[in-house]
Amino acid sequence: MAKDKFTATWVSHTSIADFLNCPRAYYLRNVYRRPETNHKIQLVSPPLSLGSAIHEVLESLSVLPTKVRFTEPLLSKFDLA
């Protein structure tokens, strides 16, 4: 069945701003799906990546017993995240 060319498509203000800022990033965030999985990919910003890495390190430290927690330098755990 052919798509109706007059069917409305919902587009958010953020999507329009993304497109105006960088059409390629808009395509990757909103249109492109990986052929193997048919899932959208997630683009992350450097601050988000850093925040996620720091969160993982702090979370891994919180589950350790207090005496073991600081036997290794904190930076060694950051490299693993």
PDB file of N, CA and C in Angstrom:
ATOM      1  N   MET A   1       0.842  -1.179   0.000  1.00  0.00           N
ATOM      2  CA  MET A   1       0.000   0.000   0.000  1.00  0.00           C
ATOM      3  C   MET A   1       0.889   1.243   0.000  1.00  0.00           C
ATOM      4  N   ALA A   2       0.622   2.161  -0.878  1.00  0.00           N
ATOM      5  CA  ALA A   2       1.416   3.388  -0.989  1.00  0.00           C
ATOM      6  C   ALA A   2       1.055   4.348   0.141  1.00  0.00           C
ATOM      7  N   LYS A   3       2.067   5.060   0.619  1.00  0.00           N
ATOM      8  CA  LYS A   3       1.822   6.059   1.658  1.00  0.00           C
ATOM      9  C   LYS A   3       1.098   7.256   1.059  1.00  0.00           C
ATOM     10  N   ASP A   4       0.212   7.813   1.839  1.00  0.00           N
ATOM     11  CA  ASP A   4      -0.496   9.015   1.428  1.00  0.00           C
ATOM     12  C   ASP A   4       0.456  10.196   1.549  1.00  0.00           C
ATOM     13  N   LYS A   5       0.690  10.906   0.460  1.00  0.00           N
ATOM     14  CA  LYS A   5       1.649  12.009   0.498  1.00  0.00           C
ATOM     15  C   LYS A   5       1.144  13.203   1.299  1.00  0.00           C
ATOM     16  N   PHE A   6      -0.107  13.188   1.694  1.00  0.00           N
ATOM     17  CA  PHE A   6      -0.654  14.293   2.464  1.00  0.00           C
ATOM     18  C   PHE A   6      -0.766  13.967   3.956  1.00  0.00           C
ATOM     19  N   THR A   7      -0.298  12.811   4.362  1.00  0.00           N
ATOM     20  CA  THR A   7      -0.338  12.440   5.770  1.00  0.00           C
ATOM     21  C   THR A   7       0.635  13.312   6.553  1.00  0.00           C
ATOM     22  N   ALA A   8       0.163  13.844   7.659  1.00  0.00           N
ATOM     23  CA  ALA A   8       0.993  14.735   8.475  1.00  0.00           C
ATOM     24  C   ALA A   8       2.069  13.944   9.202  1.00  0.00           C
ATOM     25  N   THR A   9       3.222  14.555   9.343  1.00  0.00           N
ATOM     26  CA  THR A   9       4.324  13.985  10.101  1.00  0.00           C
ATOM     27  C   THR A   9       4.594  14.905  11.277  1.00  0.00           C
ATOM     28  N   TRP A  10       4.671  14.332  12.483  1.00  0.00           N
ATOM     29  CA  TRP A  10       4.928  15.124  13.674  1.00  0.00           C
ATOM     30  C   TRP A  10       6.426  15.338  13.820  1.00  0.00           C
ATOM     31  N   VAL A  11       6.833  16.593  13.996  1.00  0.00           N
ATOM     32  CA  VAL A  11       8.241  16.941  14.185  1.00  0.00           C
ATOM     33  C   VAL A  11       8.319  17.907  15.365  1.00  0.00           C
ATOM     34  N   SER A  12       9.199  17.598  16.309  1.00  0.00           N
ATOM     35  CA  SER A  12       9.327  18.450  17.497  1.00  0.00           C
ATOM     36  C   SER A  12      10.183  19.676  17.198  1.00  0.00           C
ATOM     37  N   HIS A  13      10.089  20.663  18.073  1.00  0.00           N
ATOM     38  CA  HIS A  13      10.921  21.862  17.950  1.00  0.00           C
ATOM     39  C   HIS A  13      12.398  21.492  18.057  1.00  0.00           C
ATOM     40  N   THR A  14      12.704  20.548  18.938  1.00  0.00           N
ATOM     41  CA  THR A  14      14.089  20.112  19.117  1.00  0.00           C
ATOM     42  C   THR A  14      14.621  19.463  17.848  1.00  0.00           C
ATOM     43  N   SER A  15      13.798  18.653  17.197  1.00  0.00           N
ATOM     44  CA  SER A  15      14.226  18.013  15.953  1.00  0.00           C
ATOM     45  C   SER A  15      14.514  19.044  14.869  1.00  0.00           C
ATOM     46  N   ILE A  16      13.674  20.050  14.787  1.00  0.00           N
ATOM     47  CA  ILE A  16      13.895  21.113  13.797  1.00  0.00           C
ATOM     48  C   ILE A  16      15.187  21.856  14.113  1.00  0.00           C
ATOM     49  N   ALA A  17      15.404  22.169  15.389  1.00  0.00           N
ATOM     50  CA  ALA A  17      16.643  22.854  15.788  1.00  0.00           C
ATOM     51  C   ALA A  17      17.860  21.986  15.493  1.00  0.00           C
ATOM     52  N   ASP A  18      17.756  20.672  15.757  1.00  0.00           N
ATOM     53  CA  ASP A  18      18.855  19.753  15.435  1.00  0.00           C
ATOM     54  C   ASP A  18      19.157  19.780  13.939  1.00  0.00           C
ATOM     55  N   PHE A  19      18.106  19.755  13.120  1.00  0.00           N
ATOM     56  CA  PHE A  19      18.298  19.764  11.672  1.00  0.00           C
ATOM     57  C   PHE A  19      18.959  21.059  11.210  1.00  0.00           C
ATOM     58  N   LEU A  20      18.512  22.185  11.751  1.00  0.00           N
ATOM     59  CA  LEU A  20      19.097  23.468  11.359  1.00  0.00           C
ATOM     60  C   LEU A  20      20.546  23.586  11.819  1.00  0.00           C
ATOM     61  N   ASN A  21      20.855  22.997  12.962  1.00  0.00           N
ATOM     62  CA  ASN A  21      22.214  23.032  13.489  1.00  0.00           C
ATOM     63  C   ASN A  21      23.139  22.113  12.693  1.00  0.00           C
ATOM     64  N   CYS A  22      22.698  20.881  12.424  1.00  0.00           N
ATOM     65  CA  CYS A  22      23.530  19.913  11.699  1.00  0.00           C
ATOM     66  C   CYS A  22      22.627  18.845  11.087  1.00  0.00           C
ATOM     67  N   PRO A  23      22.342  18.941   9.787  1.00  0.00           N
ATOM     68  CA  PRO A  23      21.458  17.966   9.147  1.00  0.00           C
ATOM     69  C   PRO A  23      21.936  16.514   9.292  1.00  0.00           C
ATOM     70  N   ARG A  24      23.236  16.301   9.280  1.00  0.00           N
ATOM     71  CA  ARG A  24      23.760  14.930   9.417  1.00  0.00           C
ATOM     72  C   ARG A  24      23.460  14.368  10.812  1.00  0.00           C
ATOM     73  N   ALA A  25      23.660  15.182  11.845  1.00  0.00           N
ATOM     74  CA  ALA A  25      23.344  14.738  13.207  1.00  0.00           C
ATOM     75  C   ALA A  25      21.847  14.457  13.349  1.00  0.00           C
ATOM     76  N   TYR A  26      21.017  15.290  12.728  1.00  0.00           N
ATOM     77  CA  TYR A  26      19.571  15.046  12.748  1.00  0.00           C
ATOM     78  C   TYR A  26      19.259  13.689  12.127  1.00  0.00           C
ATOM     79  N   TYR A  27      19.864  13.418  10.982  1.00  0.00           N
ATOM     80  CA  TYR A  27      19.633  12.140  10.300  1.00  0.00           C
ATOM     81  C   TYR A  27      20.039  10.968  11.191  1.00  0.00           C
ATOM     82  N   LEU A  28      21.213  11.067  11.801  1.00  0.00           N
ATOM     83  CA  LEU A  28      21.694   9.969  12.640  1.00  0.00           C
ATOM     84  C   LEU A  28      20.840   9.788  13.894  1.00  0.00           C
ATOM     85  N   ARG A  29      20.339  10.871  14.469  1.00  0.00           N
ATOM     86  CA  ARG A  29      19.527  10.776  15.690  1.00  0.00           C
ATOM     87  C   ARG A  29      18.101  10.314  15.417  1.00  0.00           C
ATOM     88  N   ASN A  30      17.514  10.785  14.322  1.00  0.00           N
ATOM     89  CA  ASN A  30      16.076  10.622  14.137  1.00  0.00           C
ATOM     90  C   ASN A  30      15.643   9.704  13.003  1.00  0.00           C
ATOM     91  N   VAL A  31      16.498   9.476  12.029  1.00  0.00           N
ATOM     92  CA  VAL A  31      16.075   8.708  10.862  1.00  0.00           C
ATOM     93  C   VAL A  31      16.816   7.379  10.758  1.00  0.00           C
ATOM     94  N   TYR A  32      18.135   7.422  10.841  1.00  0.00           N
ATOM     95  CA  TYR A  32      18.964   6.242  10.601  1.00  0.00           C
ATOM     96  C   TYR A  32      18.712   5.145  11.632  1.00  0.00           C
ATOM     97  N   ARG A  33      18.651   3.917  11.156  1.00  0.00           N
ATOM     98  CA  ARG A  33      18.579   2.735  12.017  1.00  0.00           C
ATOM     99  C   ARG A  33      19.630   1.748  11.537  1.00  0.00           C
ATOM    100  N   ARG A  34      20.310   1.121  12.483  1.00  0.00           N
ATOM    101  CA  ARG A  34      21.333   0.134  12.126  1.00  0.00           C
ATOM    102  C   ARG A  34      20.669  -1.022  11.393  1.00  0.00           C
ATOM    103  N   PRO A  35      21.192  -1.404  10.229  1.00  0.00           N
ATOM    104  CA  PRO A  35      20.568  -2.490   9.459  1.00  0.00           C
ATOM    105  C   PRO A  35      20.545  -3.825  10.210  1.00  0.00           C
ATOM    106  N   GLU A  36      21.581  -4.101  11.012  1.00  0.00           N
ATOM    107  CA  GLU A  36      21.655  -5.388  11.704  1.00  0.00           C
ATOM    108  C   GLU A  36      20.579  -5.528  12.780  1.00  0.00           C
ATOM    109  N   THR A  37      20.279  -4.441  13.471  1.00  0.00           N
ATOM    110  CA  THR A  37      19.374  -4.519  14.623  1.00  0.00           C
ATOM    111  C   THR A  37      18.077  -3.740  14.427  1.00  0.00           C
ATOM    112  N   ASN A  38      18.043  -2.870  13.453  1.00  0.00           N
ATOM    113  CA  ASN A  38      16.923  -1.957  13.212  1.00  0.00           C
ATOM    114  C   ASN A  38      16.692  -1.018  14.400  1.00  0.00           C
ATOM    115  N   HIS A  39      17.749  -0.776  15.200  1.00  0.00           N
ATOM    116  CA  HIS A  39      17.670   0.160  16.318  1.00  0.00           C
ATOM    117  C   HIS A  39      18.297   1.489  15.924  1.00  0.00           C
ATOM    118  N   LYS A  40      17.778   2.557  16.518  1.00  0.00           N
ATOM    119  CA  LYS A  40      18.406   3.861  16.318  1.00  0.00           C
ATOM    120  C   LYS A  40      19.728   3.886  17.065  1.00  0.00           C
ATOM    121  N   ILE A  41      20.669   4.677  16.580  1.00  0.00           N
ATOM    122  CA  ILE A  41      21.924   4.837  17.300  1.00  0.00           C
ATOM    123  C   ILE A  41      21.791   6.046  18.214  1.00  0.00           C
ATOM    124  N   GLN A  42      22.599   6.083  19.245  1.00  0.00           N
ATOM    125  CA  GLN A  42      22.551   7.200  20.186  1.00  0.00           C
ATOM    126  C   GLN A  42      23.845   7.987  20.077  1.00  0.00           C
ATOM    127  N   LEU A  43      23.729   9.263  19.759  1.00  0.00           N
ATOM    128  CA  LEU A  43      24.883  10.143  19.718  1.00  0.00           C
ATOM    129  C   LEU A  43      25.037  10.774  21.093  1.00  0.00           C
ATOM    130  N   VAL A  44      26.259  10.763  21.604  1.00  0.00           N
ATOM    131  CA  VAL A  44      26.492  11.350  22.922  1.00  0.00           C
ATOM    132  C   VAL A  44      27.487  12.488  22.802  1.00  0.00           C
ATOM    133  N   SER A  45      27.302  13.463  23.651  1.00  0.00           N
ATOM    134  CA  SER A  45      28.216  14.601  23.670  1.00  0.00           C
ATOM    135  C   SER A  45      29.381  14.287  24.602  1.00  0.00           C
ATOM    136  N   PRO A  46      30.522  14.958  24.424  1.00  0.00           N
ATOM    137  CA  PRO A  46      31.655  14.733  25.333  1.00  0.00           C
ATOM    138  C   PRO A  46      31.307  14.940  26.809  1.00  0.00           C
ATOM    139  N   PRO A  47      30.551  15.986  27.184  1.00  0.00           N
ATOM    140  CA  PRO A  47      30.206  16.115  28.606  1.00  0.00           C
ATOM    141  C   PRO A  47      29.372  14.935  29.120  1.00  0.00           C
ATOM    142  N   LEU A  48      28.470  14.424  28.286  1.00  0.00           N
ATOM    143  CA  LEU A  48      27.662  13.278  28.697  1.00  0.00           C
ATOM    144  C   LEU A  48      28.531  12.035  28.868  1.00  0.00           C
ATOM    145  N   SER A  49      29.488  11.837  27.980  1.00  0.00           N
ATOM    146  CA  SER A  49      30.398  10.694  28.092  1.00  0.00           C
ATOM    147  C   SER A  49      31.230  10.782  29.361  1.00  0.00           C
ATOM    148  N   LEU A  50      31.754  11.959  29.649  1.00  0.00           N
ATOM    149  CA  LEU A  50      32.551  12.148  30.859  1.00  0.00           C
ATOM    150  C   LEU A  50      31.701  11.910  32.105  1.00  0.00           C
ATOM    151  N   GLY A  51      30.504  12.459  32.124  1.00  0.00           N
ATOM    152  CA  GLY A  51      29.612  12.270  33.264  1.00  0.00           C
ATOM    153  C   GLY A  51      29.262  10.807  33.480  1.00  0.00           C
ATOM    154  N   SER A  52      29.035  10.082  32.388  1.00  0.00           N
ATOM    155  CA  SER A  52      28.728   8.653  32.504  1.00  0.00           C
ATOM    156  C   SER A  52      29.910   7.875  33.052  1.00  0.00           C
ATOM    157  N   ALA A  53      31.121   8.203  32.587  1.00  0.00           N
ATOM    158  CA  ALA A  53      32.322   7.513  33.073  1.00  0.00           C
ATOM    159  C   ALA A  53      32.535   7.778  34.559  1.00  0.00           C
ATOM    160  N   ILE A  54      32.374   9.027  34.976  1.00  0.00           N
ATOM    161  CA  ILE A  54      32.544   9.371  36.391  1.00  0.00           C
ATOM    162  C   ILE A  54      31.482   8.663  37.238  1.00  0.00           C
ATOM    163  N   HIS A  55      30.260   8.622  36.744  1.00  0.00           N
ATOM    164  CA  HIS A  55      29.186   7.945  37.465  1.00  0.00           C
ATOM    165  C   HIS A  55      29.503   6.457  37.646  1.00  0.00           C
ATOM    166  N   GLU A  56      30.002   5.807  36.597  1.00  0.00           N
ATOM    167  CA  GLU A  56      30.351   4.389  36.696  1.00  0.00           C
ATOM    168  C   GLU A  56      31.444   4.152  37.726  1.00  0.00           C
ATOM    169  N   VAL A  57      32.450   5.024  37.743  1.00  0.00           N
ATOM    170  CA  VAL A  57      33.548   4.881  38.705  1.00  0.00           C
ATOM    171  C   VAL A  57      33.025   5.030  40.127  1.00  0.00           C
ATOM    172  N   LEU A  58      32.242   6.075  40.376  1.00  0.00           N
ATOM    173  CA  LEU A  58      31.726   6.304  41.726  1.00  0.00           C
ATOM    174  C   LEU A  58      30.782   5.186  42.162  1.00  0.00           C
ATOM    175  N   GLU A  59      29.992   4.690  41.228  1.00  0.00           N
ATOM    176  CA  GLU A  59      29.090   3.592  41.557  1.00  0.00           C
ATOM    177  C   GLU A  59      29.872   2.322  41.894  1.00  0.00           C
ATOM    178  N   SER A  60      30.948   2.044  41.144  1.00  0.00           N
ATOM    179  CA  SER A  60      31.755   0.853  41.439  1.00  0.00           C
ATOM    180  C   SER A  60      32.456   0.987  42.787  1.00  0.00           C
ATOM    181  N   LEU A  61      32.822   2.205  43.172  1.00  0.00           N
ATOM    182  CA  LEU A  61      33.444   2.417  44.484  1.00  0.00           C
ATOM    183  C   LEU A  61      32.446   2.247  45.626  1.00  0.00           C
ATOM    184  N   SER A  62      31.216   2.627  45.397  1.00  0.00           N
ATOM    185  CA  SER A  62      30.227   2.602  46.479  1.00  0.00           C
ATOM    186  C   SER A  62      29.872   1.189  46.925  1.00  0.00           C
ATOM    187  N   VAL A  63      30.084   0.198  46.078  1.00  0.00           N
ATOM    188  CA  VAL A  63      29.737  -1.176  46.457  1.00  0.00           C
ATOM    189  C   VAL A  63      30.888  -1.901  47.147  1.00  0.00           C
ATOM    190  N   LEU A  64      32.083  -1.317  47.141  1.00  0.00           N
ATOM    191  CA  LEU A  64      33.239  -1.940  47.785  1.00  0.00           C
ATOM    192  C   LEU A  64      33.245  -1.664  49.284  1.00  0.00           C
ATOM    193  N   PRO A  65      33.787  -2.585  50.075  1.00  0.00           N
ATOM    194  CA  PRO A  65      33.955  -2.300  51.506  1.00  0.00           C
ATOM    195  C   PRO A  65      34.895  -1.106  51.698  1.00  0.00           C
ATOM    196  N   THR A  66      34.714  -0.364  52.768  1.00  0.00           N
ATOM    197  CA  THR A  66      35.480   0.859  53.010  1.00  0.00           C
ATOM    198  C   THR A  66      36.983   0.612  53.035  1.00  0.00           C
ATOM    199  N   LYS A  67      37.425  -0.487  53.626  1.00  0.00           N
ATOM    200  CA  LYS A  67      38.862  -0.757  53.724  1.00  0.00           C
ATOM    201  C   LYS A  67      39.491  -1.047  52.368  1.00  0.00           C
ATOM    202  N   VAL A  68      38.717  -1.583  51.448  1.00  0.00           N
ATOM    203  CA  VAL A  68      39.237  -1.941  50.126  1.00  0.00           C
ATOM    204  C   VAL A  68      39.083  -0.786  49.139  1.00  0.00           C
ATOM    205  N   ARG A  69      38.187   0.117  49.442  1.00  0.00           N
ATOM    206  CA  ARG A  69      37.768   1.156  48.501  1.00  0.00           C
ATOM    207  C   ARG A  69      38.918   1.976  47.926  1.00  0.00           C
ATOM    208  N   PHE A  70      39.896   2.326  48.724  1.00  0.00           N
ATOM    209  CA  PHE A  70      40.944   3.230  48.251  1.00  0.00           C
ATOM    210  C   PHE A  70      42.321   2.588  48.225  1.00  0.00           C
ATOM    211  N   THR A  71      42.383   1.277  48.049  1.00  0.00           N
ATOM    212  CA  THR A  71      43.690   0.620  47.935  1.00  0.00           C
ATOM    213  C   THR A  71      44.308   0.859  46.566  1.00  0.00           C
ATOM    214  N   GLU A  72      43.473   1.054  45.545  1.00  0.00           N
ATOM    215  CA  GLU A  72      43.957   1.374  44.197  1.00  0.00           C
ATOM    216  C   GLU A  72      43.704   2.851  43.926  1.00  0.00           C
ATOM    217  N   PRO A  73      44.562   3.459  43.098  1.00  0.00           N
ATOM    218  CA  PRO A  73      44.313   4.863  42.741  1.00  0.00           C
ATOM    219  C   PRO A  73      42.984   5.002  41.986  1.00  0.00           C
ATOM    220  N   LEU A  74      42.285   6.073  42.234  1.00  0.00           N
ATOM    221  CA  LEU A  74      40.997   6.320  41.595  1.00  0.00           C
ATOM    222  C   LEU A  74      41.127   6.390  40.077  1.00  0.00           C
ATOM    223  N   LEU A  75      42.223   6.942  39.583  1.00  0.00           N
ATOM    224  CA  LEU A  75      42.411   7.053  38.132  1.00  0.00           C
ATOM    225  C   LEU A  75      42.481   5.695  37.450  1.00  0.00           C
ATOM    226  N   SER A  76      42.953   4.668  38.118  1.00  0.00           N
ATOM    227  CA  SER A  76      42.999   3.344  37.495  1.00  0.00           C
ATOM    228  C   SER A  76      41.585   2.829  37.236  1.00  0.00           C
ATOM    229  N   LYS A  77      40.648   3.148  38.110  1.00  0.00           N
ATOM    230  CA  LYS A  77      39.260   2.762  37.889  1.00  0.00           C
ATOM    231  C   LYS A  77      38.633   3.603  36.780  1.00  0.00           C
ATOM    232  N   PHE A  78      39.026   4.847  36.672  1.00  0.00           N
ATOM    233  CA  PHE A  78      38.508   5.722  35.621  1.00  0.00           C
ATOM    234  C   PHE A  78      38.916   5.209  34.246  1.00  0.00           C
ATOM    235  N   ASP A  79      40.137   4.672  34.123  1.00  0.00           N
ATOM    236  CA  ASP A  79      40.598   4.139  32.840  1.00  0.00           C
ATOM    237  C   ASP A  79      39.771   2.939  32.401  1.00  0.00           C
ATOM    238  N   LEU A  80      39.229   2.181  33.335  1.00  0.00           N
ATOM    239  CA  LEU A  80      38.420   1.015  33.001  1.00  0.00           C
ATOM    240  C   LEU A  80      37.024   1.390  32.537  1.00  0.00           C
ATOM    241  N   ALA A  81      36.517   2.529  32.957  1.00  0.00           N
ATOM    242  CA  ALA A  81      35.138   2.923  32.645  1.00  0.00           C
ATOM    243  C   ALA A  81      34.959   3.364  31.236  1.00  0.00           C
TER     244      ALA A  81
END
